PDB file of N, CA and C in Angstrom:
ATOM      1  N   MET A   1      63.755 -38.495  -1.529  1.00  0.00           N
ATOM      2  CA  MET A   1      63.759 -39.801  -0.668  1.00  0.00           C
ATOM      3  C   MET A   1      64.152 -39.531   0.670  1.00  0.00           C
ATOM      4  N   PHE A   2      65.438 -38.656   0.849  1.00  0.00           N
ATOM      5  CA  PHE A   2      65.928 -38.659   2.226  1.00  0.00           C
ATOM      6  C   PHE A   2      65.101 -37.117   2.797  1.00  0.00           C
ATOM      7  N   HIS A   3      64.758 -36.363   2.043  1.00  0.00           N
ATOM      8  CA  HIS A   3      63.886 -35.269   2.412  1.00  0.00           C
ATOM      9  C   HIS A   3      62.651 -35.755   3.126  1.00  0.00           C
ATOM     10  N   ASN A   4      61.827 -36.799   2.596  1.00  0.00           N
ATOM     11  CA  ASN A   4      60.936 -37.561   3.151  1.00  0.00           C
ATOM     12  C   ASN A   4      61.119 -38.132   4.420  1.00  0.00           C
ATOM     13  N   LEU A   5      62.164 -38.727   4.477  1.00  0.00           N
ATOM     14  CA  LEU A   5      62.382 -39.592   5.670  1.00  0.00           C
ATOM     15  C   LEU A   5      62.937 -38.754   6.808  1.00  0.00           C
ATOM     16  N   ILE A   6      63.576 -37.406   6.614  1.00  0.00           N
ATOM     17  CA  ILE A   6      63.937 -36.688   7.410  1.00  0.00           C
ATOM     18  C   ILE A   6      62.864 -35.790   8.096  1.00  0.00           C
ATOM     19  N   SER A   7      61.902 -35.446   6.923  1.00  0.00           N
ATOM     20  CA  SER A   7      60.891 -34.581   7.715  1.00  0.00           C
ATOM     21  C   SER A   7      59.879 -35.455   8.369  1.00  0.00           C
ATOM     22  N   ASN A   8      59.564 -36.746   7.960  1.00  0.00           N
ATOM     23  CA  ASN A   8      59.067 -37.679   8.921  1.00  0.00           C
ATOM     24  C   ASN A   8      59.718 -37.826  10.268  1.00  0.00           C
ATOM     25  N   ALA A   9      60.998 -37.838  10.322  1.00  0.00           N
ATOM     26  CA  ALA A   9      61.494 -38.109  11.652  1.00  0.00           C
ATOM     27  C   ALA A   9      61.295 -36.713  12.618  1.00  0.00           C
ATOM     28  N   LEU A  10      61.326 -35.601  11.908  1.00  0.00           N
ATOM     29  CA  LEU A  10      61.026 -34.196  12.518  1.00  0.00           C
ATOM     30  C   LEU A  10      59.619 -34.116  12.860  1.00  0.00           C
ATOM     31  N   LYS A  11      58.633 -34.745  11.946  1.00  0.00           N
ATOM     32  CA  LYS A  11      57.036 -34.371  12.119  1.00  0.00           C
ATOM     33  C   LYS A  11      56.804 -35.561  13.401  1.00  0.00           C
ATOM     34  N   TYR A  12      57.388 -36.809  13.375  1.00  0.00           N
ATOM     35  CA  TYR A  12      56.711 -37.645  14.293  1.00  0.00           C
ATOM     36  C   TYR A  12      57.830 -38.222  15.445  1.00  0.00           C
ATOM     37  N   GLY A  13      59.004 -37.605  15.317  1.00  0.00           N
ATOM     38  CA  GLY A  13      59.910 -38.198  16.229  1.00  0.00           C
ATOM     39  C   GLY A  13      60.451 -37.232  17.171  1.00  0.00           C
ATOM     40  N   ILE A  14      60.213 -35.777  17.089  1.00  0.00           N
ATOM     41  CA  ILE A  14      60.704 -34.733  17.921  1.00  0.00           C
ATOM     42  C   ILE A  14      59.365 -34.453  18.715  1.00  0.00           C
ATOM     43  N   ASN A  15      59.357 -34.526  19.870  1.00  0.00           N
ATOM     44  CA  ASN A  15      58.452 -34.042  20.992  1.00  0.00           C
ATOM     45  C   ASN A  15      59.209 -33.328  22.207  1.00  0.00           C
ATOM     46  N   LYS A  16      58.411 -33.087  23.367  1.00  0.00           N
ATOM     47  CA  LYS A  16      59.015 -32.493  24.393  1.00  0.00           C
ATOM     48  C   LYS A  16      60.348 -33.188  25.166  1.00  0.00           C
ATOM     49  N   THR A  17      59.957 -34.392  24.891  1.00  0.00           N
ATOM     50  CA  THR A  17      61.196 -35.388  25.575  1.00  0.00           C
ATOM     51  C   THR A  17      62.139 -35.658  24.828  1.00  0.00           C
ATOM     52  N   ASN A  18      62.160 -35.857  23.476  1.00  0.00           N
ATOM     53  CA  ASN A  18      63.068 -36.282  22.532  1.00  0.00           C
ATOM     54  C   ASN A  18      63.296 -35.421  21.431  1.00  0.00           C
ATOM     55  N   ASN A  19      64.441 -34.810  21.322  1.00  0.00           N
ATOM     56  CA  ASN A  19      64.525 -33.986  20.260  1.00  0.00           C
ATOM     57  C   ASN A  19      65.954 -34.178  19.562  1.00  0.00           C
ATOM     58  N   LEU A  20      66.126 -35.655  19.328  1.00  0.00           N
ATOM     59  CA  LEU A  20      67.355 -36.008  18.581  1.00  0.00           C
ATOM     60  C   LEU A  20      67.048 -36.990  17.516  1.00  0.00           C
ATOM     61  N   ILE A  21      67.525 -36.633  16.407  1.00  0.00           N
ATOM     62  CA  ILE A  21      67.523 -37.317  15.033  1.00  0.00           C
ATOM     63  C   ILE A  21      68.791 -37.885  14.807  1.00  0.00           C
ATOM     64  N   GLU A  22      68.863 -39.148  14.362  1.00  0.00           N
ATOM     65  CA  GLU A  22      70.442 -39.667  13.831  1.00  0.00           C
ATOM     66  C   GLU A  22      70.211 -40.023  12.324  1.00  0.00           C
ATOM     67  N   VAL A  23      71.400 -39.479  11.649  1.00  0.00           N
ATOM     68  CA  VAL A  23      71.588 -39.868  10.542  1.00  0.00           C
ATOM     69  C   VAL A  23      72.919 -40.902  10.449  1.00  0.00           C
ATOM     70  N   ASN A  24      72.805 -42.130   9.946  1.00  0.00           N
ATOM     71  CA  ASN A  24      73.894 -43.041   9.998  1.00  0.00           C
ATOM     72  C   ASN A  24      74.143 -43.554   8.526  1.00  0.00           C
ATOM     73  N   ILE A  25      75.560 -43.579   8.218  1.00  0.00           N
ATOM     74  CA  ILE A  25      75.814 -43.845   6.940  1.00  0.00           C
ATOM     75  C   ILE A  25      77.189 -44.863   7.051  1.00  0.00           C
ATOM     76  N   GLY A  26      77.052 -45.926   6.362  1.00  0.00           N
ATOM     77  CA  GLY A  26      77.977 -46.890   6.384  1.00  0.00           C
ATOM     78  C   GLY A  26      77.747 -48.206   5.550  1.00  0.00           C
ATOM     79  N   TYR A  27      78.353 -49.143   5.839  1.00  0.00           N
ATOM     80  CA  TYR A  27      78.304 -50.474   5.092  1.00  0.00           C
ATOM     81  C   TYR A  27      77.744 -51.563   6.108  1.00  0.00           C
ATOM     82  N   GLU A  28      77.037 -52.391   5.490  1.00  0.00           N
ATOM     83  CA  GLU A  28      76.484 -53.473   6.379  1.00  0.00           C
ATOM     84  C   GLU A  28      76.419 -54.768   5.268  1.00  0.00           C
ATOM     85  N   GLU A  29      77.316 -55.751   5.654  1.00  0.00           N
ATOM     86  CA  GLU A  29      77.258 -56.733   4.784  1.00  0.00           C
ATOM     87  C   GLU A  29      78.023 -56.378   3.356  1.00  0.00           C
ATOM     88  N   GLU A  30      78.667 -55.524   3.368  1.00  0.00           N
ATOM     89  CA  GLU A  30      79.013 -54.923   1.894  1.00  0.00           C
ATOM     90  C   GLU A  30      78.127 -54.094   1.217  1.00  0.00           C
ATOM     91  N   ASN A  31      77.021 -53.850   1.808  1.00  0.00           N
ATOM     92  CA  ASN A  31      75.973 -53.010   1.040  1.00  0.00           C
ATOM     93  C   ASN A  31      75.878 -51.440   1.734  1.00  0.00           C
ATOM     94  N   LEU A  32      76.024 -50.359   1.026  1.00  0.00           N
ATOM     95  CA  LEU A  32      75.818 -49.304   1.509  1.00  0.00           C
ATOM     96  C   LEU A  32      74.491 -48.980   2.020  1.00  0.00           C
ATOM     97  N   PHE A  33      74.416 -48.227   3.306  1.00  0.00           N
ATOM     98  CA  PHE A  33      73.176 -47.850   3.860  1.00  0.00           C
ATOM     99  C   PHE A  33      73.237 -46.488   4.301  1.00  0.00           C
ATOM    100  N   ILE A  34      72.125 -45.727   4.382  1.00  0.00           N
ATOM    101  CA  ILE A  34      71.805 -44.428   4.943  1.00  0.00           C
ATOM    102  C   ILE A  34      70.596 -44.712   5.777  1.00  0.00           C
ATOM    103  N   GLU A  35      70.739 -44.429   7.056  1.00  0.00           N
ATOM    104  CA  GLU A  35      69.641 -44.477   8.104  1.00  0.00           C
ATOM    105  C   GLU A  35      69.270 -43.285   8.806  1.00  0.00           C
ATOM    106  N   ILE A  36      68.040 -43.222   8.885  1.00  0.00           N
ATOM    107  CA  ILE A  36      67.301 -41.947   9.579  1.00  0.00           C
ATOM    108  C   ILE A  36      66.457 -42.589  10.719  1.00  0.00           C
ATOM    109  N   LYS A  37      67.026 -42.134  11.868  1.00  0.00           N
ATOM    110  CA  LYS A  37      66.635 -42.621  13.068  1.00  0.00           C
ATOM    111  C   LYS A  37      65.936 -41.752  14.119  1.00  0.00           C
ATOM    112  N   ASP A  38      64.876 -41.759  14.486  1.00  0.00           N
ATOM    113  CA  ASP A  38      64.354 -40.898  15.590  1.00  0.00           C
ATOM    114  C   ASP A  38      63.908 -41.670  16.795  1.00  0.00           C
ATOM    115  N   PHE A  39      63.650 -40.915  17.962  1.00  0.00           N
ATOM    116  CA  PHE A  39      63.493 -41.555  19.295  1.00  0.00           C
ATOM    117  C   PHE A  39      62.138 -40.982  19.874  1.00  0.00           C
ATOM    118  N   GLY A  40      61.217 -40.662  18.902  1.00  0.00           N
ATOM    119  CA  GLY A  40      59.937 -40.320  19.237  1.00  0.00           C
ATOM    120  C   GLY A  40      59.087 -41.474  19.858  1.00  0.00           C
ATOM    121  N   ASP A  41      57.904 -41.324  19.328  1.00  0.00           N
ATOM    122  CA  ASP A  41      56.770 -42.354  19.665  1.00  0.00           C
ATOM    123  C   ASP A  41      56.772 -43.580  19.073  1.00  0.00           C
ATOM    124  N   GLY A  42      57.425 -43.728  17.900  1.00  0.00           N
ATOM    125  CA  GLY A  42      57.493 -45.044  17.200  1.00  0.00           C
ATOM    126  C   GLY A  42      56.059 -45.506  16.881  1.00  0.00           C
ATOM    127  N   PHE A  43      56.018 -46.631  16.499  1.00  0.00           N
ATOM    128  CA  PHE A  43      54.763 -47.165  16.004  1.00  0.00           C
ATOM    129  C   PHE A  43      54.688 -48.770  16.074  1.00  0.00           C
ATOM    130  N   ASN A  44      53.673 -49.511  16.092  1.00  0.00           N
ATOM    131  CA  ASN A  44      53.557 -50.736  16.173  1.00  0.00           C
ATOM    132  C   ASN A  44      53.886 -51.500  14.995  1.00  0.00           C
ATOM    133  N   LEU A  45      55.002 -51.848  14.551  1.00  0.00           N
ATOM    134  CA  LEU A  45      55.579 -52.122  13.372  1.00  0.00           C
ATOM    135  C   LEU A  45      54.736 -53.435  12.823  1.00  0.00           C
ATOM    136  N   PRO A  46      54.610 -54.553  13.616  1.00  0.00           N
ATOM    137  CA  PRO A  46      53.975 -55.797  13.246  1.00  0.00           C
ATOM    138  C   PRO A  46      52.539 -55.495  12.930  1.00  0.00           C
ATOM    139  N   ASN A  47      51.802 -54.635  13.451  1.00  0.00           N
ATOM    140  CA  ASN A  47      50.304 -54.316  13.005  1.00  0.00           C
ATOM    141  C   ASN A  47      50.176 -53.313  12.021  1.00  0.00           C
ATOM    142  N   ASN A  48      51.237 -52.659  11.590  1.00  0.00           N
ATOM    143  CA  ASN A  48      51.476 -51.784  10.398  1.00  0.00           C
ATOM    144  C   ASN A  48      52.458 -52.035   9.348  1.00  0.00           C
ATOM    145  N   ALA A  49      52.944 -53.140   9.248  1.00  0.00           N
ATOM    146  CA  ALA A  49      53.870 -53.367   8.208  1.00  0.00           C
ATOM    147  C   ALA A  49      53.337 -53.498   6.935  1.00  0.00           C
ATOM    148  N   GLU A  50      52.042 -54.083   6.676  1.00  0.00           N
ATOM    149  CA  GLU A  50      51.549 -54.191   5.439  1.00  0.00           C
ATOM    150  C   GLU A  50      51.131 -52.862   4.964  1.00  0.00           C
ATOM    151  N   LEU A  51      50.654 -51.990   5.946  1.00  0.00           N
ATOM    152  CA  LEU A  51      50.112 -50.608   5.304  1.00  0.00           C
ATOM    153  C   LEU A  51      51.269 -49.511   5.185  1.00  0.00           C
ATOM    154  N   LEU A  52      52.330 -49.615   5.815  1.00  0.00           N
ATOM    155  CA  LEU A  52      53.309 -48.634   5.845  1.00  0.00           C
ATOM    156  C   LEU A  52      53.568 -47.846   4.482  1.00  0.00           C
ATOM    157  N   PHE A  53      53.753 -48.697   3.405  1.00  0.00           N
ATOM    158  CA  PHE A  53      54.321 -48.056   2.134  1.00  0.00           C
ATOM    159  C   PHE A  53      53.138 -48.107   1.292  1.00  0.00           C
ATOM    160  N   ARG A  54      51.984 -48.164   1.694  1.00  0.00           N
ATOM    161  CA  ARG A  54      50.648 -48.166   0.758  1.00  0.00           C
ATOM    162  C   ARG A  54      50.302 -46.806   0.608  1.00  0.00           C
ATOM    163  N   LEU A  55      49.919 -46.605  -0.481  1.00  0.00           N
ATOM    164  CA  LEU A  55      49.342 -45.354  -1.042  1.00  0.00           C
ATOM    165  C   LEU A  55      48.215 -44.940  -0.037  1.00  0.00           C
ATOM    166  N   GLY A  56      48.232 -43.557   0.396  1.00  0.00           N
ATOM    167  CA  GLY A  56      47.165 -43.011   1.189  1.00  0.00           C
ATOM    168  C   GLY A  56      47.126 -43.610   2.689  1.00  0.00           C
ATOM    169  N   THR A  57      48.179 -44.210   3.065  1.00  0.00           N
ATOM    170  CA  THR A  57      48.231 -44.672   4.424  1.00  0.00           C
ATOM    171  C   THR A  57      48.965 -43.569   5.211  1.00  0.00           C
ATOM    172  N   ARG A  58      48.147 -43.241   6.502  1.00  0.00           N
ATOM    173  CA  ARG A  58      48.794 -42.458   7.541  1.00  0.00           C
ATOM    174  C   ARG A  58      48.467 -43.176   8.795  1.00  0.00           C
ATOM    175  N   LEU A  59      49.353 -43.426   9.678  1.00  0.00           N
ATOM    176  CA  LEU A  59      49.380 -44.044  10.920  1.00  0.00           C
ATOM    177  C   LEU A  59      49.091 -43.231  12.006  1.00  0.00           C
ATOM    178  N   ASP A  60      49.413 -41.821  11.663  1.00  0.00           N
ATOM    179  CA  ASP A  60      48.928 -40.796  12.870  1.00  0.00           C
ATOM    180  C   ASP A  60      47.884 -39.777  12.265  1.00  0.00           C
ATOM    181  N   SER A  61      46.606 -39.994  12.515  1.00  0.00           N
ATOM    182  CA  SER A  61      45.495 -39.006  11.925  1.00  0.00           C
ATOM    183  C   SER A  61      45.680 -37.564  12.633  1.00  0.00           C
ATOM    184  N   ASN A  62      46.422 -37.447  13.609  1.00  0.00           N
ATOM    185  CA  ASN A  62      46.542 -36.307  14.193  1.00  0.00           C
ATOM    186  C   ASN A  62      47.624 -35.315  13.421  1.00  0.00           C
ATOM    187  N   LYS A  63      48.397 -35.781  12.429  1.00  0.00           N
ATOM    188  CA  LYS A  63      49.399 -34.949  11.947  1.00  0.00           C
ATOM    189  C   LYS A  63      48.819 -34.677  10.298  1.00  0.00           C
ATOM    190  N   ILE A  64      49.299 -33.583   9.916  1.00  0.00           N
ATOM    191  CA  ILE A  64      49.017 -33.214   8.443  1.00  0.00           C
ATOM    192  C   ILE A  64      49.540 -34.126   7.522  1.00  0.00           C
ATOM    193  N   GLY A  65      49.023 -34.607   6.462  1.00  0.00           N
ATOM    194  CA  GLY A  65      49.511 -35.265   5.374  1.00  0.00           C
ATOM    195  C   GLY A  65      48.584 -36.169   4.681  1.00  0.00           C
ATOM    196  N   GLN A  66      49.129 -36.587   3.439  1.00  0.00           N
ATOM    197  CA  GLN A  66      48.201 -37.265   2.426  1.00  0.00           C
ATOM    198  C   GLN A  66      48.518 -38.674   2.430  1.00  0.00           C
ATOM    199  N   GLY A  67      49.419 -39.135   3.085  1.00  0.00           N
ATOM    200  CA  GLY A  67      49.783 -40.681   3.068  1.00  0.00           C
ATOM    201  C   GLY A  67      50.574 -40.665   1.668  1.00  0.00           C
ATOM    202  N   LEU A  68      51.354 -39.855   1.169  1.00  0.00           N
ATOM    203  CA  LEU A  68      52.030 -40.131  -0.109  1.00  0.00           C
ATOM    204  C   LEU A  68      53.449 -40.460   0.139  1.00  0.00           C
ATOM    205  N   GLY A  69      54.175 -39.746   1.194  1.00  0.00           N
ATOM    206  CA  GLY A  69      55.528 -39.770   1.290  1.00  0.00           C
ATOM    207  C   GLY A  69      56.263 -41.230   1.396  1.00  0.00           C
ATOM    208  N   LEU A  70      55.822 -41.916   1.897  1.00  0.00           N
ATOM    209  CA  LEU A  70      56.498 -43.287   2.154  1.00  0.00           C
ATOM    210  C   LEU A  70      56.124 -44.082   0.856  1.00  0.00           C
ATOM    211  N   PHE A  71      55.013 -44.047   0.274  1.00  0.00           N
ATOM    212  CA  PHE A  71      54.696 -44.702  -1.000  1.00  0.00           C
ATOM    213  C   PHE A  71      55.758 -44.072  -2.063  1.00  0.00           C
ATOM    214  N   ILE A  72      55.936 -42.814  -2.115  1.00  0.00           N
ATOM    215  CA  ILE A  72      56.770 -42.500  -3.273  1.00  0.00           C
ATOM    216  C   ILE A  72      58.223 -42.678  -2.777  1.00  0.00           C
ATOM    217  N   THR A  73      58.609 -42.590  -1.585  1.00  0.00           N
ATOM    218  CA  THR A  73      59.947 -42.972  -1.025  1.00  0.00           C
ATOM    219  C   THR A  73      60.302 -44.674  -1.381  1.00  0.00           C
ATOM    220  N   LYS A  74      59.496 -45.309  -1.359  1.00  0.00           N
ATOM    221  CA  LYS A  74      59.720 -46.723  -1.522  1.00  0.00           C
ATOM    222  C   LYS A  74      59.984 -46.810  -3.007  1.00  0.00           C
ATOM    223  N   HIS A  75      59.267 -46.189  -3.798  1.00  0.00           N
ATOM    224  CA  HIS A  75      59.385 -46.342  -5.267  1.00  0.00           C
ATOM    225  C   HIS A  75      60.737 -45.743  -5.815  1.00  0.00           C
ATOM    226  N   HIS A  76      61.021 -44.513  -5.177  1.00  0.00           N
ATOM    227  CA  HIS A  76      62.226 -43.866  -5.423  1.00  0.00           C
ATOM    228  C   HIS A  76      63.427 -44.909  -5.159  1.00  0.00           C
ATOM    229  N   ALA A  77      63.439 -45.652  -4.097  1.00  0.00           N
ATOM    230  CA  ALA A  77      64.426 -46.486  -3.691  1.00  0.00           C
ATOM    231  C   ALA A  77      64.583 -47.619  -4.582  1.00  0.00           C
ATOM    232  N   LYS A  78      63.320 -48.190  -4.995  1.00  0.00           N
ATOM    233  CA  LYS A  78      63.425 -49.422  -6.053  1.00  0.00           C
ATOM    234  C   LYS A  78      64.181 -48.749  -7.440  1.00  0.00           C
ATOM    235  N   THR A  79      63.883 -47.580  -7.806  1.00  0.00           N
ATOM    236  CA  THR A  79      64.328 -47.018  -9.087  1.00  0.00           C
ATOM    237  C   THR A  79      65.962 -46.847  -8.979  1.00  0.00           C
ATOM    238  N   ILE A  80      66.366 -46.690  -7.978  1.00  0.00           N
ATOM    239  CA  ILE A  80      67.950 -46.619  -7.639  1.00  0.00           C
ATOM    240  C   ILE A  80      68.550 -48.001  -7.073  1.00  0.00           C
ATOM    241  N   GLY A  81      67.940 -49.084  -7.127  1.00  0.00           N
ATOM    242  CA  GLY A  81      68.321 -50.234  -6.871  1.00  0.00           C
ATOM    243  C   GLY A  81      68.459 -50.515  -5.256  1.00  0.00           C
ATOM    244  N   ALA A  82      67.663 -49.783  -4.649  1.00  0.00           N
ATOM    245  CA  ALA A  82      67.836 -49.869  -3.011  1.00  0.00           C
ATOM    246  C   ALA A  82      66.360 -50.403  -2.462  1.00  0.00           C
ATOM    247  N   ASN A  83      66.491 -50.919  -1.182  1.00  0.00           N
ATOM    248  CA  ASN A  83      65.257 -51.348  -0.454  1.00  0.00           C
ATOM    249  C   ASN A  83      65.159 -50.485   0.883  1.00  0.00           C
ATOM    250  N   ILE A  84      64.125 -50.491   1.584  1.00  0.00           N
ATOM    251  CA  ILE A  84      64.098 -49.674   2.939  1.00  0.00           C
ATOM    252  C   ILE A  84      63.570 -50.828   3.847  1.00  0.00           C
ATOM    253  N   ALA A  85      64.467 -50.762   4.865  1.00  0.00           N
ATOM    254  CA  ALA A  85      64.167 -51.486   6.206  1.00  0.00           C
ATOM    255  C   ALA A  85      63.549 -50.719   7.016  1.00  0.00           C
ATOM    256  N   VAL A  86      62.777 -51.107   7.915  1.00  0.00           N
ATOM    257  CA  VAL A  86      62.229 -50.324   8.988  1.00  0.00           C
ATOM    258  C   VAL A  86      62.218 -50.962  10.345  1.00  0.00           C
ATOM    259  N   THR A  87      62.430 -50.396  11.261  1.00  0.00           N
ATOM    260  CA  THR A  87      62.446 -50.808  12.617  1.00  0.00           C
ATOM    261  C   THR A  87      61.767 -49.830  13.532  1.00  0.00           C
ATOM    262  N   SER A  88      60.807 -50.322  14.444  1.00  0.00           N
ATOM    263  CA  SER A  88      60.101 -49.296  15.296  1.00  0.00           C
ATOM    264  C   SER A  88      59.672 -50.014  16.538  1.00  0.00           C
ATOM    265  N   ILE A  89      59.634 -49.170  17.645  1.00  0.00           N
ATOM    266  CA  ILE A  89      59.210 -49.462  18.880  1.00  0.00           C
ATOM    267  C   ILE A  89      58.390 -48.495  19.434  1.00  0.00           C
ATOM    268  N   GLU A  90      57.185 -48.824  19.836  1.00  0.00           N
ATOM    269  CA  GLU A  90      56.248 -47.915  20.222  1.00  0.00           C
ATOM    270  C   GLU A  90      56.997 -47.080  21.607  1.00  0.00           C
ATOM    271  N   GLY A  91      56.919 -45.854  21.529  1.00  0.00           N
ATOM    272  CA  GLY A  91      57.505 -45.190  22.484  1.00  0.00           C
ATOM    273  C   GLY A  91      58.776 -45.156  22.708  1.00  0.00           C
ATOM    274  N   LYS A  92      59.570 -45.624  21.601  1.00  0.00           N
ATOM    275  CA  LYS A  92      61.021 -45.776  21.544  1.00  0.00           C
ATOM    276  C   LYS A  92      61.358 -45.059  20.288  1.00  0.00           C
ATOM    277  N   GLY A  93      60.581 -44.997  19.294  1.00  0.00           N
ATOM    278  CA  GLY A  93      61.247 -44.294  17.724  1.00  0.00           C
ATOM    279  C   GLY A  93      61.218 -45.359  16.757  1.00  0.00           C
ATOM    280  N   ALA A  94      61.528 -44.771  15.658  1.00  0.00           N
ATOM    281  CA  ALA A  94      61.714 -45.720  14.258  1.00  0.00           C
ATOM    282  C   ALA A  94      62.973 -45.320  13.705  1.00  0.00           C
ATOM    283  N   ALA A  95      63.390 -46.151  12.863  1.00  0.00           N
ATOM    284  CA  ALA A  95      64.499 -45.960  11.911  1.00  0.00           C
ATOM    285  C   ALA A  95      63.965 -46.467  10.753  1.00  0.00           C
ATOM    286  N   PHE A  96      64.435 -45.754   9.680  1.00  0.00           N
ATOM    287  CA  PHE A  96      64.190 -46.155   8.022  1.00  0.00           C
ATOM    288  C   PHE A  96      65.533 -46.274   7.572  1.00  0.00           C
ATOM    289  N   LYS A  97      66.039 -47.453   7.059  1.00  0.00           N
ATOM    290  CA  LYS A  97      67.401 -47.575   6.430  1.00  0.00           C
ATOM    291  C   LYS A  97      67.381 -47.962   4.963  1.00  0.00           C
ATOM    292  N   VAL A  98      67.707 -47.145   4.095  1.00  0.00           N
ATOM    293  CA  VAL A  98      67.962 -47.274   2.740  1.00  0.00           C
ATOM    294  C   VAL A  98      69.105 -48.102   2.416  1.00  0.00           C
ATOM    295  N   ILE A  99      68.822 -49.245   1.756  1.00  0.00           N
ATOM    296  CA  ILE A  99      70.134 -50.109   1.768  1.00  0.00           C
ATOM    297  C   ILE A  99      70.269 -50.365   0.241  1.00  0.00           C
ATOM    298  N   TRP A 100      71.347 -50.189  -0.306  1.00  0.00           N
ATOM    299  CA  TRP A 100      71.668 -50.402  -1.784  1.00  0.00           C
ATOM    300  C   TRP A 100      72.292 -51.986  -1.908  1.00  0.00           C
ATOM    301  N   ASN A 101      71.549 -52.768  -2.531  1.00  0.00           N
ATOM    302  CA  ASN A 101      72.109 -53.996  -2.620  1.00  0.00           C
ATOM    303  C   ASN A 101      73.141 -54.167  -3.921  1.00  0.00           C
ATOM    304  N   ASP A 102      74.207 -54.767  -3.431  1.00  0.00           N
ATOM    305  CA  ASP A 102      75.215 -54.653  -4.358  1.00  0.00           C
ATOM    306  C   ASP A 102      75.211 -56.026  -5.310  1.00  0.00           C
TER     307      ASP A 102
END
């Protein structure tokens, strides 16, 4: 799960002007979370929220991939009793937060 989120941050979040990825771990409203955040191109979340975790979806056709990673990651999260929250702003990056519901 985290391998996919970190590799996505490297693939989509690192470019000539942005070379930072953050990994944040903590508690939010008594729920443990781990967040992977990049500062790359981001994406239009309102236009892509329905597609993001769908099997075969790729938001960037210029990158290599099959559209399996986020689909599998979401199912792994469910298996361990977690949810994934996503934030993204075009041109400013994206963050994927795995939250364990207590």
